[in-house]
Amino acid sequence: MKKVLKQVENIPGGGYFSLLKDKLGTINKTNLKVRLKVVISTILVGLFIVLISTSYALWTVSIEKNNNLNIVAGVLNYELTSPELNGNKQVVVPANSEKLVNVTLKSLNAIDSDYSVYYQGSLPNGVTIMYDE
């Protein structure tokens, strides 16, 4: 230790603290360069992974669209009946009134099937349609 201190005392410009400051400055600059390289490398690897996974996802979607398999089980037919329906299968509701319409949906198919009922088209303001199973 005494030998080191004697060498430090002989350094022109301030001695031990000046040497320590110079060494720390060099270490900090080196650490900063290493950290910057690590951050840039991490970002580049991350971008590469995102690029590869996106390309693979787009490729699989294009393959699925080109080689998809459509199975048609047949044409399913249903009969919709109600005393409130007119000849065009429409219900007329007077303005500012409510109307409950009971509809019967009958399957004309030889097999059992599941179905959904929905309204298609735009409704006038103030008109709501509700379904009860």
N, C-alpha and C. Protein backbone atom coordinates (compact mmCIF):
# COMPACT_ATOMS: atom_id res chain seq x y z
N MET A 1 0.82 -1.18 0.00
CA MET A 1 0.00 0.00 0.00
C MET A 1 0.87 1.25 0.00
N LYS A 2 1.95 1.24 0.78
CA LYS A 2 2.83 2.39 0.84
C LYS A 2 3.49 2.63 -0.51
N LYS A 3 3.81 1.53 -1.19
CA LYS A 3 4.45 1.66 -2.49
C LYS A 3 3.50 2.32 -3.49
N VAL A 4 2.21 1.93 -3.44
CA VAL A 4 1.21 2.51 -4.34
C VAL A 4 1.04 3.98 -4.02
N LEU A 5 0.95 4.34 -2.74
CA LEU A 5 0.77 5.73 -2.37
C LEU A 5 1.96 6.57 -2.81
N LYS A 6 3.16 6.04 -2.70
CA LYS A 6 4.34 6.79 -3.14
C LYS A 6 4.27 7.03 -4.64
N GLN A 7 3.81 6.01 -5.40
CA GLN A 7 3.69 6.19 -6.85
C GLN A 7 2.62 7.23 -7.16
N VAL A 8 1.54 7.25 -6.40
CA VAL A 8 0.44 8.19 -6.64
C VAL A 8 0.90 9.61 -6.30
N GLU A 9 1.67 9.76 -5.24
CA GLU A 9 2.13 11.08 -4.86
C GLU A 9 3.02 11.69 -5.93
N ASN A 10 3.70 10.88 -6.69
CA ASN A 10 4.59 11.38 -7.73
C ASN A 10 3.84 11.79 -9.00
N ILE A 11 2.53 11.55 -9.06
CA ILE A 11 1.76 11.91 -10.26
C ILE A 11 1.52 13.42 -10.23
N PRO A 12 1.87 14.08 -11.31
CA PRO A 12 1.63 15.52 -11.33
C PRO A 12 0.15 15.82 -11.49
N GLY A 13 -0.34 16.91 -10.88
CA GLY A 13 -1.71 17.37 -11.06
C GLY A 13 -2.68 16.92 -10.00
N GLY A 14 -2.27 16.48 -8.83
CA GLY A 14 -3.23 16.25 -7.79
C GLY A 14 -3.13 14.95 -7.05
N GLY A 15 -2.31 14.06 -7.45
CA GLY A 15 -2.10 12.87 -6.65
C GLY A 15 -3.16 11.79 -6.82
N TYR A 16 -3.51 11.16 -5.69
CA TYR A 16 -4.34 9.96 -5.66
C TYR A 16 -5.74 10.22 -6.22
N PHE A 17 -6.36 11.33 -5.82
CA PHE A 17 -7.74 11.59 -6.27
C PHE A 17 -7.82 11.87 -7.76
N SER A 18 -6.82 12.49 -8.30
CA SER A 18 -6.79 12.74 -9.74
C SER A 18 -6.69 11.42 -10.50
N LEU A 19 -5.83 10.51 -10.01
CA LEU A 19 -5.69 9.20 -10.65
C LEU A 19 -6.99 8.41 -10.55
N LEU A 20 -7.62 8.44 -9.38
CA LEU A 20 -8.87 7.74 -9.18
C LEU A 20 -9.96 8.28 -10.10
N LYS A 21 -10.03 9.59 -10.24
CA LYS A 21 -11.02 10.23 -11.11
C LYS A 21 -10.80 9.81 -12.56
N ASP A 22 -9.57 9.77 -13.01
CA ASP A 22 -9.26 9.35 -14.38
C ASP A 22 -9.66 7.89 -14.60
N LYS A 23 -9.34 7.03 -13.63
CA LYS A 23 -9.68 5.61 -13.76
C LYS A 23 -11.19 5.41 -13.81
N LEU A 24 -11.92 6.11 -12.90
CA LEU A 24 -13.39 5.99 -12.88
C LEU A 24 -14.00 6.52 -14.18
N GLY A 25 -13.47 7.59 -14.70
CA GLY A 25 -13.97 8.13 -15.97
C GLY A 25 -13.81 7.13 -17.09
N THR A 26 -12.67 6.45 -17.13
CA THR A 26 -12.43 5.43 -18.16
C THR A 26 -13.37 4.25 -17.98
N ILE A 27 -13.59 3.83 -16.73
CA ILE A 27 -14.49 2.70 -16.45
C ILE A 27 -15.92 3.07 -16.84
N ASN A 28 -16.38 4.28 -16.48
CA ASN A 28 -17.73 4.71 -16.81
C ASN A 28 -17.95 4.76 -18.32
N LYS A 29 -16.98 5.26 -19.05
CA LYS A 29 -17.11 5.32 -20.51
C LYS A 29 -17.16 3.92 -21.09
N THR A 30 -16.37 3.01 -20.55
CA THR A 30 -16.36 1.62 -21.02
C THR A 30 -17.69 0.95 -20.70
N ASN A 31 -18.18 1.14 -19.48
CA ASN A 31 -19.47 0.56 -19.09
C ASN A 31 -20.61 1.11 -19.95
N LEU A 32 -20.57 2.38 -20.25
CA LEU A 32 -21.61 3.00 -21.07
C LEU A 32 -21.60 2.41 -22.48
N LYS A 33 -20.41 2.20 -23.04
CA LYS A 33 -20.31 1.60 -24.37
C LYS A 33 -20.84 0.17 -24.36
N VAL A 34 -20.51 -0.59 -23.31
CA VAL A 34 -20.98 -1.96 -23.21
C VAL A 34 -22.49 -2.00 -23.05
N ARG A 35 -23.03 -1.13 -22.21
CA ARG A 35 -24.48 -1.07 -22.01
C ARG A 35 -25.19 -0.71 -23.31
N LEU A 36 -24.66 0.25 -24.02
CA LEU A 36 -25.26 0.67 -25.29
C LEU A 36 -25.25 -0.49 -26.29
N LYS A 37 -24.15 -1.24 -26.33
CA LYS A 37 -24.07 -2.40 -27.23
C LYS A 37 -25.10 -3.46 -26.84
N VAL A 38 -25.28 -3.68 -25.55
CA VAL A 38 -26.25 -4.67 -25.08
C VAL A 38 -27.67 -4.23 -25.43
N VAL A 39 -27.99 -2.98 -25.22
CA VAL A 39 -29.33 -2.46 -25.53
C VAL A 39 -29.60 -2.56 -27.03
N ILE A 40 -28.66 -2.15 -27.85
CA ILE A 40 -28.85 -2.20 -29.30
C ILE A 40 -28.98 -3.66 -29.76
N SER A 41 -28.15 -4.55 -29.22
CA SER A 41 -28.24 -5.97 -29.58
C SER A 41 -29.59 -6.55 -29.19
N THR A 42 -30.09 -6.22 -28.01
CA THR A 42 -31.38 -6.71 -27.56
C THR A 42 -32.51 -6.22 -28.47
N ILE A 43 -32.46 -4.96 -28.84
CA ILE A 43 -33.48 -4.40 -29.75
C ILE A 43 -33.43 -5.10 -31.11
N LEU A 44 -32.23 -5.31 -31.63
CA LEU A 44 -32.11 -5.97 -32.93
C LEU A 44 -32.61 -7.42 -32.88
N VAL A 45 -32.28 -8.14 -31.82
CA VAL A 45 -32.76 -9.52 -31.69
C VAL A 45 -34.28 -9.53 -31.56
N GLY A 46 -34.83 -8.62 -30.79
CA GLY A 46 -36.29 -8.52 -30.65
C GLY A 46 -36.98 -8.23 -31.97
N LEU A 47 -36.43 -7.29 -32.74
CA LEU A 47 -37.00 -6.99 -34.04
C LEU A 47 -36.91 -8.18 -34.99
N PHE A 48 -35.82 -8.91 -34.92
CA PHE A 48 -35.65 -10.11 -35.75
C PHE A 48 -36.70 -11.16 -35.40
N ILE A 49 -36.94 -11.37 -34.11
CA ILE A 49 -37.94 -12.35 -33.68
C ILE A 49 -39.33 -11.93 -34.13
N VAL A 50 -39.66 -10.65 -33.99
CA VAL A 50 -40.97 -10.16 -34.43
C VAL A 50 -41.12 -10.33 -35.94
N LEU A 51 -40.08 -10.03 -36.69
CA LEU A 51 -40.13 -10.18 -38.14
C LEU A 51 -40.35 -11.63 -38.54
N ILE A 52 -39.62 -12.55 -37.93
CA ILE A 52 -39.76 -13.97 -38.26
C ILE A 52 -41.14 -14.49 -37.88
N SER A 53 -41.63 -14.15 -36.70
CA SER A 53 -42.94 -14.66 -36.27
C SER A 53 -44.07 -14.07 -37.12
N THR A 54 -43.95 -12.81 -37.51
CA THR A 54 -44.97 -12.20 -38.37
C THR A 54 -44.95 -12.84 -39.75
N SER A 55 -43.78 -13.08 -40.30
CA SER A 55 -43.69 -13.71 -41.62
C SER A 55 -44.29 -15.11 -41.56
N TYR A 56 -44.01 -15.86 -40.51
CA TYR A 56 -44.54 -17.20 -40.38
C TYR A 56 -46.07 -17.16 -40.24
N ALA A 57 -46.57 -16.23 -39.46
CA ALA A 57 -48.02 -16.12 -39.28
C ALA A 57 -48.71 -15.79 -40.60
N LEU A 58 -48.15 -14.85 -41.36
CA LEU A 58 -48.74 -14.50 -42.65
C LEU A 58 -48.66 -15.67 -43.62
N TRP A 59 -47.58 -16.42 -43.58
CA TRP A 59 -47.44 -17.57 -44.46
C TRP A 59 -48.48 -18.64 -44.12
N THR A 60 -48.68 -18.92 -42.83
CA THR A 60 -49.65 -19.95 -42.45
C THR A 60 -51.07 -19.53 -42.83
N VAL A 61 -51.39 -18.25 -42.69
CA VAL A 61 -52.71 -17.77 -43.08
C VAL A 61 -52.91 -17.93 -44.58
N SER A 62 -51.90 -17.61 -45.37
CA SER A 62 -52.03 -17.75 -46.83
C SER A 62 -52.17 -19.21 -47.22
N ILE A 63 -51.47 -20.11 -46.56
CA ILE A 63 -51.59 -21.54 -46.85
C ILE A 63 -52.99 -22.03 -46.49
N GLU A 64 -53.51 -21.59 -45.34
CA GLU A 64 -54.84 -22.02 -44.92
C GLU A 64 -55.91 -21.51 -45.87
N LYS A 65 -55.76 -20.30 -46.41
CA LYS A 65 -56.74 -19.77 -47.35
C LYS A 65 -56.70 -20.53 -48.67
N ASN A 66 -55.52 -20.92 -49.11
CA ASN A 66 -55.40 -21.61 -50.40
C ASN A 66 -55.80 -23.06 -50.32
N ASN A 67 -55.58 -23.70 -49.20
CA ASN A 67 -55.84 -25.14 -49.09
C ASN A 67 -56.97 -25.46 -48.12
N ASN A 68 -57.94 -24.56 -48.00
CA ASN A 68 -59.01 -24.84 -47.04
C ASN A 68 -59.96 -25.90 -47.59
N LEU A 69 -60.66 -26.52 -46.69
CA LEU A 69 -61.55 -27.61 -47.04
C LEU A 69 -62.96 -27.19 -46.63
N ASN A 70 -63.86 -27.16 -47.59
CA ASN A 70 -65.25 -26.81 -47.32
C ASN A 70 -66.09 -28.08 -47.40
N ILE A 71 -66.83 -28.33 -46.34
CA ILE A 71 -67.72 -29.48 -46.33
C ILE A 71 -69.15 -28.95 -46.26
N VAL A 72 -69.95 -29.32 -47.21
CA VAL A 72 -71.35 -28.92 -47.22
C VAL A 72 -72.16 -30.14 -46.79
N ALA A 73 -72.85 -29.98 -45.66
CA ALA A 73 -73.64 -31.09 -45.15
C ALA A 73 -74.96 -31.23 -45.91
N GLY A 74 -75.30 -30.25 -46.65
CA GLY A 74 -76.56 -30.26 -47.38
C GLY A 74 -77.26 -28.94 -47.19
N VAL A 75 -78.34 -28.78 -47.90
CA VAL A 75 -79.13 -27.57 -47.78
C VAL A 75 -80.20 -27.82 -46.72
N LEU A 76 -80.26 -26.95 -45.73
CA LEU A 76 -81.23 -27.09 -44.67
C LEU A 76 -82.39 -26.13 -44.92
N ASN A 77 -83.60 -26.62 -44.76
CA ASN A 77 -84.80 -25.80 -45.00
C ASN A 77 -85.64 -25.73 -43.74
N TYR A 78 -86.24 -24.57 -43.54
CA TYR A 78 -87.10 -24.34 -42.38
C TYR A 78 -88.37 -23.65 -42.84
N GLU A 79 -89.43 -23.80 -42.05
CA GLU A 79 -90.70 -23.14 -42.35
C GLU A 79 -91.01 -22.18 -41.21
N LEU A 80 -91.27 -20.92 -41.55
CA LEU A 80 -91.58 -19.88 -40.58
C LEU A 80 -93.07 -19.56 -40.69
N THR A 81 -93.81 -19.75 -39.60
CA THR A 81 -95.25 -19.49 -39.63
C THR A 81 -95.66 -18.66 -38.43
N SER A 82 -96.68 -17.82 -38.65
CA SER A 82 -97.27 -17.02 -37.60
C SER A 82 -98.56 -16.40 -38.13
N PRO A 83 -99.59 -16.30 -37.30
CA PRO A 83 -100.82 -15.64 -37.76
C PRO A 83 -100.62 -14.14 -38.02
N GLU A 84 -99.59 -13.53 -37.41
CA GLU A 84 -99.35 -12.10 -37.57
C GLU A 84 -98.60 -11.76 -38.86
N LEU A 85 -98.05 -12.76 -39.53
CA LEU A 85 -97.29 -12.52 -40.76
C LEU A 85 -98.23 -12.33 -41.94
N ASN A 86 -97.91 -11.34 -42.81
CA ASN A 86 -98.71 -11.17 -44.02
C ASN A 86 -98.15 -12.06 -45.13
N GLY A 87 -98.63 -11.91 -46.35
CA GLY A 87 -98.22 -12.76 -47.46
C GLY A 87 -96.75 -12.67 -47.80
N ASN A 88 -96.09 -11.56 -47.47
CA ASN A 88 -94.65 -11.37 -47.75
C ASN A 88 -93.77 -11.75 -46.56
N LYS A 89 -94.37 -12.45 -45.60
CA LYS A 89 -93.65 -12.83 -44.36
C LYS A 89 -93.17 -11.60 -43.60
N GLN A 90 -94.00 -10.56 -43.56
CA GLN A 90 -93.68 -9.33 -42.86
C GLN A 90 -94.70 -9.09 -41.76
N VAL A 91 -94.29 -8.33 -40.75
CA VAL A 91 -95.17 -7.91 -39.66
C VAL A 91 -95.30 -6.40 -39.74
N VAL A 92 -96.52 -5.89 -39.74
CA VAL A 92 -96.75 -4.45 -39.78
C VAL A 92 -97.13 -4.01 -38.37
N VAL A 93 -96.37 -3.06 -37.84
CA VAL A 93 -96.62 -2.53 -36.50
C VAL A 93 -96.98 -1.06 -36.64
N PRO A 94 -98.16 -0.65 -36.15
CA PRO A 94 -98.53 0.77 -36.23
C PRO A 94 -97.57 1.64 -35.41
N ALA A 95 -97.48 2.91 -35.76
CA ALA A 95 -96.59 3.85 -35.07
C ALA A 95 -96.97 3.98 -33.61
N ASN A 96 -95.99 4.18 -32.75
CA ASN A 96 -96.16 4.38 -31.31
C ASN A 96 -96.93 3.25 -30.65
N SER A 97 -96.67 2.04 -31.04
CA SER A 97 -97.34 0.91 -30.41
C SER A 97 -96.36 -0.25 -30.28
N GLU A 98 -96.74 -1.20 -29.45
CA GLU A 98 -95.95 -2.41 -29.26
C GLU A 98 -96.73 -3.58 -29.81
N LYS A 99 -96.02 -4.57 -30.32
CA LYS A 99 -96.69 -5.75 -30.85
C LYS A 99 -95.85 -6.97 -30.53
N LEU A 100 -96.50 -7.97 -29.96
CA LEU A 100 -95.85 -9.22 -29.66
C LEU A 100 -96.22 -10.19 -30.77
N VAL A 101 -95.21 -10.76 -31.41
CA VAL A 101 -95.43 -11.67 -32.52
C VAL A 101 -94.85 -13.03 -32.14
N ASN A 102 -95.70 -14.02 -32.08
CA ASN A 102 -95.24 -15.39 -31.83
C ASN A 102 -95.00 -16.05 -33.18
N VAL A 103 -93.82 -16.59 -33.34
CA VAL A 103 -93.42 -17.19 -34.60
C VAL A 103 -93.04 -18.65 -34.32
N THR A 104 -93.43 -19.52 -35.22
CA THR A 104 -93.05 -20.93 -35.12
C THR A 104 -92.05 -21.23 -36.24
N LEU A 105 -90.93 -21.79 -35.86
CA LEU A 105 -89.91 -22.18 -36.82
C LEU A 105 -89.84 -23.69 -36.83
N LYS A 106 -90.16 -24.30 -37.97
CA LYS A 106 -90.22 -25.75 -38.08
C LYS A 106 -89.15 -26.23 -39.05
N SER A 107 -88.39 -27.23 -38.62
CA SER A 107 -87.36 -27.80 -39.47
C SER A 107 -88.00 -28.74 -40.49
N LEU A 108 -87.63 -28.60 -41.74
CA LEU A 108 -88.10 -29.48 -42.81
C LEU A 108 -87.04 -30.50 -43.19
N ASN A 109 -86.08 -30.70 -42.31
CA ASN A 109 -84.93 -31.56 -42.59
C ASN A 109 -85.09 -32.93 -41.94
N ALA A 110 -84.46 -33.93 -42.52
CA ALA A 110 -84.51 -35.28 -41.97
C ALA A 110 -83.61 -35.44 -40.75
N ILE A 111 -82.67 -34.51 -40.55
CA ILE A 111 -81.74 -34.58 -39.42
C ILE A 111 -82.01 -33.42 -38.46
N ASP A 112 -81.61 -33.59 -37.21
CA ASP A 112 -81.72 -32.50 -36.24
C ASP A 112 -80.65 -31.47 -36.56
N SER A 113 -80.97 -30.21 -36.33
CA SER A 113 -79.99 -29.15 -36.59
C SER A 113 -80.18 -28.02 -35.60
N ASP A 114 -79.10 -27.34 -35.34
CA ASP A 114 -79.13 -26.15 -34.51
C ASP A 114 -79.24 -24.95 -35.43
N TYR A 115 -79.89 -23.90 -34.95
CA TYR A 115 -80.04 -22.71 -35.77
C TYR A 115 -80.06 -21.48 -34.88
N SER A 116 -79.87 -20.35 -35.49
CA SER A 116 -79.93 -19.06 -34.81
C SER A 116 -80.90 -18.16 -35.56
N VAL A 117 -81.61 -17.35 -34.83
CA VAL A 117 -82.54 -16.40 -35.43
C VAL A 117 -81.97 -15.01 -35.22
N TYR A 118 -81.94 -14.21 -36.26
CA TYR A 118 -81.44 -12.85 -36.15
C TYR A 118 -82.18 -11.97 -37.14
N TYR A 119 -82.15 -10.69 -36.88
CA TYR A 119 -82.80 -9.72 -37.75
C TYR A 119 -81.75 -9.17 -38.70
N GLN A 120 -82.10 -9.12 -39.98
CA GLN A 120 -81.16 -8.61 -40.98
C GLN A 120 -81.75 -7.35 -41.59
N GLY A 121 -80.97 -6.28 -41.60
CA GLY A 121 -81.42 -5.01 -42.15
C GLY A 121 -81.31 -3.93 -41.10
N SER A 122 -81.72 -2.73 -41.47
CA SER A 122 -81.65 -1.61 -40.52
C SER A 122 -83.04 -1.35 -39.95
N LEU A 123 -83.05 -1.00 -38.69
CA LEU A 123 -84.31 -0.73 -38.00
C LEU A 123 -84.55 0.77 -37.93
N PRO A 124 -85.81 1.21 -38.03
CA PRO A 124 -86.10 2.63 -37.84
C PRO A 124 -85.82 3.04 -36.40
N ASN A 125 -85.66 4.32 -36.16
CA ASN A 125 -85.39 4.83 -34.80
C ASN A 125 -86.52 4.45 -33.87
N GLY A 126 -86.18 4.00 -32.68
CA GLY A 126 -87.17 3.66 -31.67
C GLY A 126 -87.69 2.24 -31.79
N VAL A 127 -87.26 1.46 -32.75
CA VAL A 127 -87.74 0.09 -32.93
C VAL A 127 -86.71 -0.86 -32.34
N THR A 128 -87.16 -1.79 -31.51
CA THR A 128 -86.27 -2.80 -30.96
C THR A 128 -86.87 -4.18 -31.25
N ILE A 129 -86.02 -5.15 -31.40
CA ILE A 129 -86.44 -6.52 -31.60
C ILE A 129 -85.81 -7.37 -30.52
N MET A 130 -86.63 -8.20 -29.88
CA MET A 130 -86.14 -9.08 -28.82
C MET A 130 -86.53 -10.50 -29.15
N TYR A 131 -85.71 -11.44 -28.73
CA TYR A 131 -85.95 -12.85 -28.98
C TYR A 131 -86.11 -13.57 -27.65
N ASP A 132 -87.04 -14.48 -27.61
CA ASP A 132 -87.23 -15.31 -26.44
C ASP A 132 -87.27 -16.76 -26.90
N GLU A 133 -86.41 -17.57 -26.33
CA GLU A 133 -86.35 -18.97 -26.79
C GLU A 133 -87.30 -19.84 -26.03
